[in-house]
Amino acid sequence: MGLQVRHFYAFSLQIRADRRVNRAYDEYKDERAAIEAQYNEAKEQVVQRLLASMEERRRKLREEKEGGEIISGQSPVYPHSIM
C-alpha cells in the first residue's frame, strides 16, 4: 500500500469512528430526554395526587367544622346519664 492509500484508509476509519461516536451521543441525548420526560410526568402525577389529597383533607375538615361531625370514624362519646 502506498502512503496516500494508508492516509486515506486511516482518515476513512477516523470518519467512521467519529460517526459512531456522534450516533452514540445522539442516542444518549434522546434517551436522556425520554427519561427526563418520564421523570417530569411522574413528578407531576405525584404533585397532583398530593394536591388532591390535601384538598380532600381540607374538605373533610371544613365539613367537620361546619357540621360538628366526627370524621375520624369513631363514635361520639355520650354522657353517662344515658343508661
C-alpha atoms as a PDB file:
ATOM      1  CA  MET A   1       0.000   0.000   0.000  1.00  0.00           C
ATOM      2  CA  GLY A   2       1.166   3.431  -0.780  1.00  0.00           C
ATOM      3  CA  LEU A   3       1.416   6.194   1.779  1.00  0.00           C
ATOM      4  CA  GLN A   4      -1.559   8.051   0.298  1.00  0.00           C
ATOM      5  CA  VAL A   5      -3.729   4.946   0.445  1.00  0.00           C
ATOM      6  CA  ARG A   6      -2.787   4.406   4.103  1.00  0.00           C
ATOM      7  CA  HIS A   7      -3.623   8.003   4.959  1.00  0.00           C
ATOM      8  CA  PHE A   8      -6.914   7.725   3.117  1.00  0.00           C
ATOM      9  CA  TYR A   9      -7.708   4.447   4.898  1.00  0.00           C
ATOM     10  CA  ALA A  10      -6.802   5.939   8.300  1.00  0.00           C
ATOM     11  CA  PHE A  11      -8.882   9.025   7.513  1.00  0.00           C
ATOM     12  CA  SER A  12     -11.802   6.815   6.473  1.00  0.00           C
ATOM     13  CA  LEU A  13     -11.552   4.831   9.721  1.00  0.00           C
ATOM     14  CA  GLN A  14     -11.479   8.067  11.717  1.00  0.00           C
ATOM     15  CA  ILE A  15     -14.591   9.356   9.968  1.00  0.00           C
ATOM     16  CA  ARG A  16     -16.419   6.077  10.696  1.00  0.00           C
ATOM     17  CA  ALA A  17     -15.360   6.222  14.341  1.00  0.00           C
ATOM     18  CA  ASP A  18     -16.497   9.842  14.598  1.00  0.00           C
ATOM     19  CA  ARG A  19     -19.869   8.925  13.095  1.00  0.00           C
ATOM     20  CA  ARG A  20     -20.292   6.093  15.597  1.00  0.00           C
ATOM     21  CA  VAL A  21     -19.415   8.398  18.469  1.00  0.00           C
ATOM     22  CA  ASN A  22     -21.827  11.031  17.197  1.00  0.00           C
ATOM     23  CA  ARG A  23     -24.577   8.441  16.729  1.00  0.00           C
ATOM     24  CA  ALA A  24     -23.992   7.098  20.244  1.00  0.00           C
ATOM     25  CA  TYR A  25     -24.078  10.619  21.652  1.00  0.00           C
ATOM     26  CA  ASP A  26     -27.314  11.382  19.788  1.00  0.00           C
ATOM     27  CA  GLU A  27     -28.871   8.175  21.145  1.00  0.00           C
ATOM     28  CA  TYR A  28     -27.696   9.144  24.626  1.00  0.00           C
ATOM     29  CA  LYS A  29     -29.301  12.582  24.312  1.00  0.00           C
ATOM     30  CA  ASP A  30     -32.560  11.058  23.035  1.00  0.00           C
ATOM     31  CA  GLU A  31     -32.637   8.513  25.852  1.00  0.00           C
ATOM     32  CA  ARG A  32     -31.858  11.177  28.424  1.00  0.00           C
ATOM     33  CA  ALA A  33     -34.652  13.392  27.089  1.00  0.00           C
ATOM     34  CA  ALA A  34     -37.095  10.473  27.232  1.00  0.00           C
ATOM     35  CA  ILE A  35     -36.093   9.664  30.812  1.00  0.00           C
ATOM     36  CA  GLU A  36     -36.389  13.315  31.836  1.00  0.00           C
ATOM     37  CA  ALA A  37     -39.861  13.447  30.281  1.00  0.00           C
ATOM     38  CA  GLN A  38     -40.893  10.306  32.200  1.00  0.00           C
ATOM     39  CA  TYR A  39     -39.465  11.776  35.398  1.00  0.00           C
ATOM     40  CA  ASN A  40     -41.290  15.071  34.930  1.00  0.00           C
ATOM     41  CA  GLU A  41     -44.551  13.275  34.166  1.00  0.00           C
ATOM     42  CA  ALA A  42     -44.226  11.072  37.253  1.00  0.00           C
ATOM     43  CA  LYS A  43     -43.312  14.092  39.363  1.00  0.00           C
ATOM     44  CA  GLU A  44     -46.378  15.970  38.125  1.00  0.00           C
ATOM     45  CA  GLN A  45     -48.587  12.973  38.929  1.00  0.00           C
ATOM     46  CA  VAL A  46     -47.214  12.877  42.479  1.00  0.00           C
ATOM     47  CA  VAL A  47     -47.819  16.598  42.893  1.00  0.00           C
ATOM     48  CA  GLN A  48     -51.389  16.232  41.594  1.00  0.00           C
ATOM     49  CA  ARG A  49     -52.089  13.320  43.959  1.00  0.00           C
ATOM     50  CA  LEU A  50     -50.715  15.287  46.903  1.00  0.00           C
ATOM     51  CA  LEU A  51     -52.795  18.331  45.989  1.00  0.00           C
ATOM     52  CA  ALA A  52     -55.909  16.182  45.619  1.00  0.00           C
ATOM     53  CA  SER A  53     -55.214  14.553  48.976  1.00  0.00           C
ATOM     54  CA  MET A  54     -54.742  17.928  50.630  1.00  0.00           C
ATOM     55  CA  GLU A  55     -57.950  19.249  49.095  1.00  0.00           C
ATOM     56  CA  GLU A  56     -59.856  16.180  50.283  1.00  0.00           C
ATOM     57  CA  ARG A  57     -58.465  16.660  53.790  1.00  0.00           C
ATOM     58  CA  ARG A  58     -59.464  20.345  53.725  1.00  0.00           C
ATOM     59  CA  ARG A  59     -62.952  19.412  52.553  1.00  0.00           C
ATOM     60  CA  LYS A  60     -63.345  16.891  55.374  1.00  0.00           C
ATOM     61  CA  LEU A  61     -62.081  19.372  57.951  1.00  0.00           C
ATOM     62  CA  ARG A  62     -64.436  22.050  56.596  1.00  0.00           C
ATOM     63  CA  GLU A  63     -67.375  19.629  56.792  1.00  0.00           C
ATOM     64  CA  GLU A  64     -66.374  18.670  60.319  1.00  0.00           C
ATOM     65  CA  LYS A  65     -66.145  22.308  61.339  1.00  0.00           C
ATOM     66  CA  GLU A  66     -69.462  23.246  59.726  1.00  0.00           C
ATOM     67  CA  GLY A  67     -71.420  20.174  60.753  1.00  0.00           C
ATOM     68  CA  GLY A  68     -69.800  19.288  64.032  1.00  0.00           C
ATOM     69  CA  GLU A  69     -69.381  15.725  62.782  1.00  0.00           C
ATOM     70  CA  ILE A  70     -66.605  13.421  63.793  1.00  0.00           C
ATOM     71  CA  ILE A  71     -64.709  12.401  60.681  1.00  0.00           C
ATOM     72  CA  SER A  72     -62.223  10.014  62.237  1.00  0.00           C
ATOM     73  CA  GLY A  73     -64.709   7.137  62.213  1.00  0.00           C
ATOM     74  CA  GLN A  74     -65.041   6.959  65.971  1.00  0.00           C
ATOM     75  CA  SER A  75     -68.461   7.094  67.529  1.00  0.00           C
ATOM     76  CA  PRO A  76     -69.220  10.142  69.642  1.00  0.00           C
ATOM     77  CA  VAL A  77     -68.893   9.873  73.407  1.00  0.00           C
ATOM     78  CA  TYR A  78     -72.240  10.157  75.144  1.00  0.00           C
ATOM     79  CA  PRO A  79     -72.698  11.443  78.670  1.00  0.00           C
ATOM     80  CA  HIS A  80     -73.057   8.805  81.384  1.00  0.00           C
ATOM     81  CA  SER A  81     -76.619   9.938  82.098  1.00  0.00           C
ATOM     82  CA  ILE A  82     -77.815   7.874  79.096  1.00  0.00           C
ATOM     83  CA  MET A  83     -78.142   4.423  80.623  1.00  0.00           C
END
